[in-house]
């Protein structure tokens, strides 16, 4: 039913190798899922073979060597025709509720994008996937994990009819995930916050795999992603801009709090009038007011 695809980091760092192996192994345990890994990073071919998943080695890249996302989407569709697709960061552990939520939304909505907040958790060793592993790990995360703020998205589930053409974003750099939410809202299909129904686990790590050890949003190629997205107003979209939420399998209107209200005001000129200038002006007004 779902093709999960990703472009993992190199497996040369022992900790990165461990958490990526944990994450991808968790995907293979899900029902009705096909997994595709894209790229030729060190250790990727061996990991794909070990985990028994599809590996697409040849893919267009940025000047720094990072895979381009338009090619990732195209090659995945060509290799695995399924009703649903999910792009997932390669350090994210998934549970069965991921598939169940996708199934329930697909029954209610023809076009959509499904995303949600992650739980941050320290994992430094290989997971034991013996019977009951999901229940055991979920309990530990609820006890000691931390729910990440609603910024930055680690997965997007969408049907075949959505995101057919996307810009040549550079994977592993900031901006593309924000554009995914903007694109859904601009094109009139719901961006659904599944946090209440779907637990995903981000295994904490540093940024030593990136040049200078800097976070992805400080990487120079992030500027390329912002340009491809159409500008900074498009890359301000986060989970605060979702217009629907999934609760107990039902699609409901998103709740309105102060942060979402401000984003609704800021994004209205962009989504309705196509005015980046007015949206930027409202964003600056909010920055000034927030300092008072």
C-alpha atoms as a PDB file:
ATOM      1  CA  UNK A   1       0.000   0.000   0.000  1.00  0.00           C
ATOM      2  CA  UNK A   2       2.827   2.434   0.834  1.00  0.00           C
ATOM      3  CA  UNK A   3       6.270   2.946  -0.635  1.00  0.00           C
ATOM      4  CA  UNK A   4       8.613   4.469   1.940  1.00  0.00           C
ATOM      5  CA  UNK A   5      11.642   6.129   0.377  1.00  0.00           C
ATOM      6  CA  UNK A   6      14.684   7.911   1.746  1.00  0.00           C
ATOM      7  CA  UNK A   7      18.235   9.007   0.956  1.00  0.00           C
ATOM      8  CA  UNK A   8      20.294   7.992   4.007  1.00  0.00           C
ATOM      9  CA  UNK A   9      23.497   9.609   5.179  1.00  0.00           C
ATOM     10  CA  UNK A  10      26.801   7.725   4.794  1.00  0.00           C
ATOM     11  CA  UNK A  11      27.082   4.742   7.117  1.00  0.00           C
ATOM     12  CA  UNK A  12      30.738   5.562   7.867  1.00  0.00           C
ATOM     13  CA  UNK A  13      30.044   7.091  11.293  1.00  0.00           C
ATOM     14  CA  UNK A  14      29.268   4.231  13.740  1.00  0.00           C
ATOM     15  CA  UNK A  15      26.464   6.061  15.532  1.00  0.00           C
ATOM     16  CA  UNK A  16      24.804   7.243  12.302  1.00  0.00           C
ATOM     17  CA  UNK A  17      25.107   3.714  10.930  1.00  0.00           C
ATOM     18  CA  UNK A  18      23.414   2.279  14.026  1.00  0.00           C
ATOM     19  CA  UNK A  19      20.458   4.665  14.121  1.00  0.00           C
ATOM     20  CA  UNK A  20      19.863   4.438  10.369  1.00  0.00           C
ATOM     21  CA  UNK A  21      19.916   0.655  10.536  1.00  0.00           C
ATOM     22  CA  UNK A  22      17.453   0.821  13.442  1.00  0.00           C
ATOM     23  CA  UNK A  23      15.146   3.165  11.545  1.00  0.00           C
ATOM     24  CA  UNK A  24      15.101   1.313   8.231  1.00  0.00           C
ATOM     25  CA  UNK A  25      14.722  -2.042   9.992  1.00  0.00           C
ATOM     26  CA  UNK A  26      11.620  -0.667  11.748  1.00  0.00           C
ATOM     27  CA  UNK A  27      10.129   0.234   8.353  1.00  0.00           C
ATOM     28  CA  UNK A  28      10.594  -3.301   7.091  1.00  0.00           C
ATOM     29  CA  UNK A  29       8.493  -4.592  10.012  1.00  0.00           C
ATOM     30  CA  UNK A  30       5.427  -2.626   8.881  1.00  0.00           C
ATOM     31  CA  UNK A  31       2.572  -4.285   6.992  1.00  0.00           C
ATOM     32  CA  UNK A  32       1.946  -3.526   3.316  1.00  0.00           C
ATOM     33  CA  UNK A  33       5.116  -1.466   2.911  1.00  0.00           C
ATOM     34  CA  UNK A  34       7.841  -1.384   0.286  1.00  0.00           C
ATOM     35  CA  UNK A  35      11.122   0.373   1.169  1.00  0.00           C
ATOM     36  CA  UNK A  36      13.428   2.130  -1.306  1.00  0.00           C
ATOM     37  CA  UNK A  37      16.799   3.665  -0.431  1.00  0.00           C
ATOM     38  CA  UNK A  38      18.387   6.052  -2.908  1.00  0.00           C
ATOM     39  CA  UNK A  39      22.020   7.095  -3.335  1.00  0.00           C
ATOM     40  CA  UNK A  40      25.530   5.720  -3.334  1.00  0.00           C
ATOM     41  CA  UNK A  41      26.758   6.838   0.078  1.00  0.00           C
ATOM     42  CA  UNK A  42      29.409   4.656   1.748  1.00  0.00           C
ATOM     43  CA  UNK A  43      27.830   1.597   3.330  1.00  0.00           C
ATOM     44  CA  UNK A  44      24.393   2.149   1.804  1.00  0.00           C
ATOM     45  CA  UNK A  45      24.510  -0.760  -0.646  1.00  0.00           C
ATOM     46  CA  UNK A  46      25.571  -3.128   2.120  1.00  0.00           C
ATOM     47  CA  UNK A  47      22.856  -1.863   4.477  1.00  0.00           C
ATOM     48  CA  UNK A  48      20.160  -2.204   1.799  1.00  0.00           C
ATOM     49  CA  UNK A  49      21.249  -5.762   1.049  1.00  0.00           C
ATOM     50  CA  UNK A  50      21.369  -6.647   4.755  1.00  0.00           C
ATOM     51  CA  UNK A  51      17.875  -5.243   5.343  1.00  0.00           C
ATOM     52  CA  UNK A  52      16.424  -6.722   2.166  1.00  0.00           C
ATOM     53  CA  UNK A  53      15.175  -3.424   0.687  1.00  0.00           C
ATOM     54  CA  UNK A  54      15.363  -1.922  -2.779  1.00  0.00           C
ATOM     55  CA  UNK A  55      18.416   0.203  -3.545  1.00  0.00           C
ATOM     56  CA  UNK A  56      18.580   2.752  -6.367  1.00  0.00           C
ATOM     57  CA  UNK A  57      22.213   3.712  -6.689  1.00  0.00           C
ATOM     58  CA  UNK A  58      22.344   6.166  -9.601  1.00  0.00           C
ATOM     59  CA  UNK A  59      20.693   9.525  -8.892  1.00  0.00           C
ATOM     60  CA  UNK A  60      21.382  13.152  -9.917  1.00  0.00           C
ATOM     61  CA  UNK A  61      23.163  15.143  -7.228  1.00  0.00           C
ATOM     62  CA  UNK A  62      23.944  18.676  -6.109  1.00  0.00           C
ATOM     63  CA  UNK A  63      27.488  20.107  -6.366  1.00  0.00           C
ATOM     64  CA  UNK A  64      28.146  18.873  -2.812  1.00  0.00           C
ATOM     65  CA  UNK A  65      27.023  15.351  -3.736  1.00  0.00           C
ATOM     66  CA  UNK A  66      23.610  15.318  -2.045  1.00  0.00           C
ATOM     67  CA  UNK A  67      20.763  13.634  -4.001  1.00  0.00           C
ATOM     68  CA  UNK A  68      18.202  15.853  -5.724  1.00  0.00           C
ATOM     69  CA  UNK A  69      14.640  15.390  -4.586  1.00  0.00           C
ATOM     70  CA  UNK A  70      12.846  15.681  -7.908  1.00  0.00           C
ATOM     71  CA  UNK A  71      14.844  12.655  -9.054  1.00  0.00           C
ATOM     72  CA  UNK A  72      14.124  10.828  -5.779  1.00  0.00           C
ATOM     73  CA  UNK A  73      10.373  11.236  -6.265  1.00  0.00           C
ATOM     74  CA  UNK A  74      10.492  10.301  -9.958  1.00  0.00           C
ATOM     75  CA  UNK A  75      12.694   7.229  -9.542  1.00  0.00           C
ATOM     76  CA  UNK A  76      10.615   5.992  -6.615  1.00  0.00           C
ATOM     77  CA  UNK A  77       7.367   6.266  -8.577  1.00  0.00           C
ATOM     78  CA  UNK A  78       8.925   4.465 -11.542  1.00  0.00           C
ATOM     79  CA  UNK A  79      10.308   1.669  -9.382  1.00  0.00           C
ATOM     80  CA  UNK A  80       7.333   1.115  -7.078  1.00  0.00           C
ATOM     81  CA  UNK A  81       3.798   2.008  -8.234  1.00  0.00           C
ATOM     82  CA  UNK A  82       1.664   2.090  -5.067  1.00  0.00           C
ATOM     83  CA  UNK A  83      -1.406   4.101  -3.956  1.00  0.00           C
ATOM     84  CA  UNK A  84       0.602   5.946  -1.289  1.00  0.00           C
ATOM     85  CA  UNK A  85       4.152   7.211  -0.883  1.00  0.00           C
ATOM     86  CA  UNK A  86       6.042   8.367   2.190  1.00  0.00           C
ATOM     87  CA  UNK A  87       9.336  10.217   2.236  1.00  0.00           C
ATOM     88  CA  UNK A  88      10.909   9.632   5.656  1.00  0.00           C
ATOM     89  CA  UNK A  89      14.191  10.791   7.164  1.00  0.00           C
ATOM     90  CA  UNK A  90      16.509   7.827   7.637  1.00  0.00           C
ATOM     91  CA  UNK A  91      16.890   8.258  11.406  1.00  0.00           C
ATOM     92  CA  UNK A  92      13.141   7.958  12.125  1.00  0.00           C
ATOM     93  CA  UNK A  93      11.673   4.845  13.747  1.00  0.00           C
ATOM     94  CA  UNK A  94       8.122   4.015  12.672  1.00  0.00           C
ATOM     95  CA  UNK A  95       5.407   1.904  14.291  1.00  0.00           C
ATOM     96  CA  UNK A  96       2.304   0.204  12.913  1.00  0.00           C
ATOM     97  CA  UNK A  97       0.208   3.314  13.608  1.00  0.00           C
ATOM     98  CA  UNK A  98       2.014   4.957  10.675  1.00  0.00           C
ATOM     99  CA  UNK A  99       0.385   2.594   8.188  1.00  0.00           C
ATOM    100  CA  UNK A 100      -2.943   2.518  10.011  1.00  0.00           C
ATOM    101  CA  UNK A 101      -3.214   6.331   9.945  1.00  0.00           C
ATOM    102  CA  UNK A 102      -2.382   6.419   6.241  1.00  0.00           C
ATOM    103  CA  UNK A 103      -5.019   3.789   5.528  1.00  0.00           C
ATOM    104  CA  UNK A 104      -7.710   5.697   7.448  1.00  0.00           C
ATOM    105  CA  UNK A 105      -6.928   9.022   5.786  1.00  0.00           C
ATOM    106  CA  UNK A 106      -6.928   7.458   2.311  1.00  0.00           C
ATOM    107  CA  UNK A 107     -10.491   6.232   2.939  1.00  0.00           C
ATOM    108  CA  UNK A 108     -11.641   9.777   3.737  1.00  0.00           C
ATOM    109  CA  UNK A 109      -9.631  12.001   1.410  1.00  0.00           C
ATOM    110  CA  UNK A 110      -8.543  11.710  -2.225  1.00  0.00           C
ATOM    111  CA  UNK A 111      -5.682  14.229  -1.993  1.00  0.00           C
ATOM    112  CA  UNK A 112      -3.743  15.069   1.157  1.00  0.00           C
ATOM    113  CA  UNK A 113      -0.384  15.240   2.838  1.00  0.00           C
ATOM    114  CA  UNK A 114       0.016  13.665   6.266  1.00  0.00           C
ATOM    115  CA  UNK A 115       2.763  14.733   8.689  1.00  0.00           C
ATOM    116  CA  UNK A 116       3.360  15.179  12.405  1.00  0.00           C
ATOM    117  CA  UNK A 117       5.639  16.010  15.295  1.00  0.00           C
ATOM    118  CA  UNK A 118       8.409  13.625  16.307  1.00  0.00           C
ATOM    119  CA  UNK A 119       9.599  12.348  19.645  1.00  0.00           C
ATOM    120  CA  UNK A 120      13.316  12.896  20.329  1.00  0.00           C
ATOM    121  CA  UNK A 121      15.054  10.023  22.095  1.00  0.00           C
ATOM    122  CA  UNK A 122      18.623   8.880  22.734  1.00  0.00           C
ATOM    123  CA  UNK A 123      19.462   5.509  21.181  1.00  0.00           C
ATOM    124  CA  UNK A 124      23.065   4.381  20.902  1.00  0.00           C
ATOM    125  CA  UNK A 125      22.810   0.664  20.183  1.00  0.00           C
ATOM    126  CA  UNK A 126      21.040  -1.712  17.820  1.00  0.00           C
ATOM    127  CA  UNK A 127      17.369  -2.288  18.621  1.00  0.00           C
ATOM    128  CA  UNK A 128      15.976  -5.691  19.491  1.00  0.00           C
ATOM    129  CA  UNK A 129      13.035  -6.316  17.141  1.00  0.00           C
ATOM    130  CA  UNK A 130      11.761  -9.402  18.923  1.00  0.00           C
ATOM    131  CA  UNK A 131       8.056  -9.776  19.714  1.00  0.00           C
ATOM    132  CA  UNK A 132       6.616  -6.828  21.636  1.00  0.00           C
ATOM    133  CA  UNK A 133       9.360  -4.394  20.617  1.00  0.00           C
ATOM    134  CA  UNK A 134       6.903  -1.675  19.616  1.00  0.00           C
ATOM    135  CA  UNK A 135       5.027  -1.699  22.921  1.00  0.00           C
ATOM    136  CA  UNK A 136       8.255  -1.724  24.922  1.00  0.00           C
ATOM    137  CA  UNK A 137       9.902   1.118  22.988  1.00  0.00           C
ATOM    138  CA  UNK A 138       6.778   3.280  22.910  1.00  0.00           C
ATOM    139  CA  UNK A 139       6.480   3.022  26.681  1.00  0.00           C
ATOM    140  CA  UNK A 140      10.105   4.064  27.210  1.00  0.00           C
ATOM    141  CA  UNK A 141       9.711   7.044  24.878  1.00  0.00           C
ATOM    142  CA  UNK A 142       6.546   8.226  26.591  1.00  0.00           C
ATOM    143  CA  UNK A 143       8.380   8.057  29.920  1.00  0.00           C
ATOM    144  CA  UNK A 144      11.665   9.750  29.001  1.00  0.00           C
ATOM    145  CA  UNK A 145      11.415  11.039  25.408  1.00  0.00           C
ATOM    146  CA  UNK A 146      10.672  14.620  24.417  1.00  0.00           C
ATOM    147  CA  UNK A 147       8.058  15.782  21.934  1.00  0.00           C
ATOM    148  CA  UNK A 148       9.776  18.062  19.437  1.00  0.00           C
ATOM    149  CA  UNK A 149       8.351  21.520  18.824  1.00  0.00           C
ATOM    150  CA  UNK A 150       6.176  21.857  15.680  1.00  0.00           C
ATOM    151  CA  UNK A 151       9.043  22.879  13.406  1.00  0.00           C
ATOM    152  CA  UNK A 152      10.842  20.664  10.926  1.00  0.00           C
ATOM    153  CA  UNK A 153       9.025  17.652   9.533  1.00  0.00           C
ATOM    154  CA  UNK A 154      10.528  14.170   9.260  1.00  0.00           C
ATOM    155  CA  UNK A 155       7.887  12.413   7.171  1.00  0.00           C
ATOM    156  CA  UNK A 156       5.260  13.132   4.557  1.00  0.00           C
ATOM    157  CA  UNK A 157       2.639  10.605   3.424  1.00  0.00           C
ATOM    158  CA  UNK A 158       0.799  11.454   0.220  1.00  0.00           C
ATOM    159  CA  UNK A 159      -1.182   9.696  -2.533  1.00  0.00           C
ATOM    160  CA  UNK A 160       0.001   9.034  -6.064  1.00  0.00           C
ATOM    161  CA  UNK A 161      -1.863  12.090  -7.389  1.00  0.00           C
ATOM    162  CA  UNK A 162       0.057  14.590  -5.215  1.00  0.00           C
ATOM    163  CA  UNK A 163       3.569  16.050  -5.550  1.00  0.00           C
ATOM    164  CA  UNK A 164       3.963  14.729  -9.082  1.00  0.00           C
ATOM    165  CA  UNK A 165       6.351  17.550  -9.977  1.00  0.00           C
ATOM    166  CA  UNK A 166       8.532  19.121  -7.305  1.00  0.00           C
ATOM    167  CA  UNK A 167      11.559  21.430  -7.565  1.00  0.00           C
ATOM    168  CA  UNK A 168      15.052  19.949  -7.580  1.00  0.00           C
ATOM    169  CA  UNK A 169      15.497  20.475  -3.841  1.00  0.00           C
ATOM    170  CA  UNK A 170      18.686  19.214  -2.218  1.00  0.00           C
ATOM    171  CA  UNK A 171      17.983  16.519   0.351  1.00  0.00           C
ATOM    172  CA  UNK A 172      19.469  17.061   3.798  1.00  0.00           C
ATOM    173  CA  UNK A 173      19.188  20.855   3.562  1.00  0.00           C
ATOM    174  CA  UNK A 174      16.460  23.042   5.049  1.00  0.00           C
ATOM    175  CA  UNK A 175      13.434  24.415   3.236  1.00  0.00           C
ATOM    176  CA  UNK A 176      12.028  21.522   1.229  1.00  0.00           C
ATOM    177  CA  UNK A 177       9.854  20.219   4.049  1.00  0.00           C
ATOM    178  CA  UNK A 178       8.328  23.666   4.584  1.00  0.00           C
ATOM    179  CA  UNK A 179       7.560  23.871   0.857  1.00  0.00           C
ATOM    180  CA  UNK A 180       5.691  20.559   1.025  1.00  0.00           C
ATOM    181  CA  UNK A 181       3.207  22.096   3.479  1.00  0.00           C
ATOM    182  CA  UNK A 182       2.985  25.344   1.494  1.00  0.00           C
ATOM    183  CA  UNK A 183       2.352  23.426  -1.732  1.00  0.00           C
ATOM    184  CA  UNK A 184      -0.533  21.487  -0.201  1.00  0.00           C
ATOM    185  CA  UNK A 185      -2.172  24.603   1.213  1.00  0.00           C
ATOM    186  CA  UNK A 186      -1.649  26.612  -1.980  1.00  0.00           C
ATOM    187  CA  UNK A 187      -3.103  23.837  -4.135  1.00  0.00           C
ATOM    188  CA  UNK A 188      -6.160  23.294  -1.991  1.00  0.00           C
ATOM    189  CA  UNK A 189      -5.607  19.854  -0.513  1.00  0.00           C
ATOM    190  CA  UNK A 190      -5.370  19.370   3.245  1.00  0.00           C
ATOM    191  CA  UNK A 191      -2.164  19.312   5.217  1.00  0.00           C
ATOM    192  CA  UNK A 192      -3.087  16.994   8.083  1.00  0.00           C
ATOM    193  CA  UNK A 193      -1.319  16.960  11.446  1.00  0.00           C
ATOM    194  CA  UNK A 194      -1.209  13.311  12.579  1.00  0.00           C
ATOM    195  CA  UNK A 195       0.665  13.879  15.855  1.00  0.00           C
ATOM    196  CA  UNK A 196      -2.231  12.609  17.977  1.00  0.00           C
ATOM    197  CA  UNK A 197      -2.423   9.295  16.089  1.00  0.00           C
ATOM    198  CA  UNK A 198       1.138   8.647  14.909  1.00  0.00           C
ATOM    199  CA  UNK A 199       4.239   8.343  17.082  1.00  0.00           C
ATOM    200  CA  UNK A 200       7.530   8.672  15.231  1.00  0.00           C
ATOM    201  CA  UNK A 201      10.893   8.520  16.982  1.00  0.00           C
ATOM    202  CA  UNK A 202      13.875  10.649  16.060  1.00  0.00           C
ATOM    203  CA  UNK A 203      17.105   9.079  17.313  1.00  0.00           C
ATOM    204  CA  UNK A 204      19.206  12.009  18.534  1.00  0.00           C
ATOM    205  CA  UNK A 205      22.529  12.686  16.790  1.00  0.00           C
ATOM    206  CA  UNK A 206      25.002  15.487  16.144  1.00  0.00           C
ATOM    207  CA  UNK A 207      25.758  17.169  12.814  1.00  0.00           C
ATOM    208  CA  UNK A 208      29.285  15.880  12.300  1.00  0.00           C
ATOM    209  CA  UNK A 209      28.188  14.337   8.985  1.00  0.00           C
ATOM    210  CA  UNK A 210      27.633  17.851   7.539  1.00  0.00           C
ATOM    211  CA  UNK A 211      30.444  20.247   6.518  1.00  0.00           C
ATOM    212  CA  UNK A 212      31.804  22.042   9.562  1.00  0.00           C
ATOM    213  CA  UNK A 213      29.457  20.079  11.803  1.00  0.00           C
ATOM    214  CA  UNK A 214      26.793  22.753  11.267  1.00  0.00           C
ATOM    215  CA  UNK A 215      23.025  22.063  11.273  1.00  0.00           C
ATOM    216  CA  UNK A 216      21.424  21.682   7.850  1.00  0.00           C
ATOM    217  CA  UNK A 217      19.731  25.089   8.006  1.00  0.00           C
ATOM    218  CA  UNK A 218      23.189  26.725   8.116  1.00  0.00           C
ATOM    219  CA  UNK A 219      24.445  24.834   5.064  1.00  0.00           C
ATOM    220  CA  UNK A 220      25.015  27.047   1.971  1.00  0.00           C
ATOM    221  CA  UNK A 221      22.800  24.779  -0.149  1.00  0.00           C
ATOM    222  CA  UNK A 222      19.863  25.708   2.070  1.00  0.00           C
ATOM    223  CA  UNK A 223      19.873  29.025   0.189  1.00  0.00           C
ATOM    224  CA  UNK A 224      19.411  27.059  -3.042  1.00  0.00           C
ATOM    225  CA  UNK A 225      16.402  25.287  -1.542  1.00  0.00           C
ATOM    226  CA  UNK A 226      14.874  28.592  -0.421  1.00  0.00           C
ATOM    227  CA  UNK A 227      15.290  29.988  -3.926  1.00  0.00           C
ATOM    228  CA  UNK A 228      13.713  26.894  -5.485  1.00  0.00           C
ATOM    229  CA  UNK A 229      10.807  27.098  -3.021  1.00  0.00           C
ATOM    230  CA  UNK A 230      10.022  30.615  -4.257  1.00  0.00           C
ATOM    231  CA  UNK A 231      11.433  32.569  -1.341  1.00  0.00           C
ATOM    232  CA  UNK A 232      11.456  32.681   2.431  1.00  0.00           C
ATOM    233  CA  UNK A 233       7.675  33.132   2.867  1.00  0.00           C
ATOM    234  CA  UNK A 234       7.217  29.641   1.418  1.00  0.00           C
ATOM    235  CA  UNK A 235       9.803  28.162   3.774  1.00  0.00           C
ATOM    236  CA  UNK A 236       8.146  29.525   6.913  1.00  0.00           C
ATOM    237  CA  UNK A 237       5.406  26.910   6.706  1.00  0.00           C
ATOM    238  CA  UNK A 238       5.485  24.388   9.547  1.00  0.00           C
ATOM    239  CA  UNK A 239       3.048  22.140  11.383  1.00  0.00           C
ATOM    240  CA  UNK A 240       1.457  25.356  12.655  1.00  0.00           C
ATOM    241  CA  UNK A 241       0.156  25.816   9.104  1.00  0.00           C
ATOM    242  CA  UNK A 242      -1.657  22.485   8.873  1.00  0.00           C
ATOM    243  CA  UNK A 243      -5.357  23.052   8.321  1.00  0.00           C
ATOM    244  CA  UNK A 244      -6.551  19.628   9.499  1.00  0.00           C
ATOM    245  CA  UNK A 245      -5.674  17.144  12.243  1.00  0.00           C
ATOM    246  CA  UNK A 246      -6.094  13.396  12.611  1.00  0.00           C
ATOM    247  CA  UNK A 247      -7.610  12.242  15.903  1.00  0.00           C
ATOM    248  CA  UNK A 248      -8.698   8.635  16.459  1.00  0.00           C
ATOM    249  CA  UNK A 249      -8.641   8.115  12.710  1.00  0.00           C
ATOM    250  CA  UNK A 250     -10.936  11.035  11.922  1.00  0.00           C
ATOM    251  CA  UNK A 251      -9.955  14.148   9.957  1.00  0.00           C
ATOM    252  CA  UNK A 252     -10.986  17.213  11.962  1.00  0.00           C
ATOM    253  CA  UNK A 253     -10.453  20.976  11.599  1.00  0.00           C
ATOM    254  CA  UNK A 254      -7.197  22.120  13.126  1.00  0.00           C
ATOM    255  CA  UNK A 255      -7.480  23.795  16.527  1.00  0.00           C
ATOM    256  CA  UNK A 256      -6.652  27.497  16.647  1.00  0.00           C
ATOM    257  CA  UNK A 257      -4.195  28.816  19.223  1.00  0.00           C
ATOM    258  CA  UNK A 258      -2.180  32.046  19.320  1.00  0.00           C
ATOM    259  CA  UNK A 259       0.716  30.689  17.265  1.00  0.00           C
ATOM    260  CA  UNK A 260      -1.576  29.234  14.590  1.00  0.00           C
ATOM    261  CA  UNK A 261      -3.626  32.441  14.486  1.00  0.00           C
ATOM    262  CA  UNK A 262      -0.512  34.490  13.790  1.00  0.00           C
ATOM    263  CA  UNK A 263       0.532  32.096  11.046  1.00  0.00           C
ATOM    264  CA  UNK A 264      -2.957  32.253   9.558  1.00  0.00           C
ATOM    265  CA  UNK A 265      -2.687  36.030   9.393  1.00  0.00           C
ATOM    266  CA  UNK A 266       0.846  35.968   7.958  1.00  0.00           C
ATOM    267  CA  UNK A 267       0.161  33.339   5.326  1.00  0.00           C
ATOM    268  CA  UNK A 268      -3.214  34.630   4.126  1.00  0.00           C
ATOM    269  CA  UNK A 269      -1.775  37.169   1.634  1.00  0.00           C
ATOM    270  CA  UNK A 270       0.555  34.518   0.244  1.00  0.00           C
ATOM    271  CA  UNK A 271      -2.028  31.754  -0.097  1.00  0.00           C
ATOM    272  CA  UNK A 272      -4.969  33.875  -1.241  1.00  0.00           C
ATOM    273  CA  UNK A 273      -3.429  36.889  -2.992  1.00  0.00           C
ATOM    274  CA  UNK A 274      -0.057  35.471  -3.980  1.00  0.00           C
ATOM    275  CA  UNK A 275       1.636  38.425  -2.266  1.00  0.00           C
ATOM    276  CA  UNK A 276       5.031  37.604  -0.784  1.00  0.00           C
ATOM    277  CA  UNK A 277       5.589  41.291  -0.007  1.00  0.00           C
ATOM    278  CA  UNK A 278       2.509  41.565   2.209  1.00  0.00           C
ATOM    279  CA  UNK A 279       3.246  38.242   3.898  1.00  0.00           C
ATOM    280  CA  UNK A 280       6.789  39.393   4.683  1.00  0.00           C
ATOM    281  CA  UNK A 281       5.481  42.677   6.072  1.00  0.00           C
ATOM    282  CA  UNK A 282       3.085  40.888   8.424  1.00  0.00           C
ATOM    283  CA  UNK A 283       5.904  38.566   9.525  1.00  0.00           C
ATOM    284  CA  UNK A 284       8.039  41.593  10.406  1.00  0.00           C
ATOM    285  CA  UNK A 285       5.162  43.138  12.351  1.00  0.00           C
ATOM    286  CA  UNK A 286       4.855  39.974  14.416  1.00  0.00           C
ATOM    287  CA  UNK A 287       8.612  40.015  15.124  1.00  0.00           C
ATOM    288  CA  UNK A 288       8.357  43.562  16.450  1.00  0.00           C
ATOM    289  CA  UNK A 289       5.278  42.843  18.571  1.00  0.00           C
ATOM    290  CA  UNK A 290       6.871  39.689  20.040  1.00  0.00           C
ATOM    291  CA  UNK A 291       9.743  41.799  21.416  1.00  0.00           C
ATOM    292  CA  UNK A 292       7.422  44.000  23.468  1.00  0.00           C
END
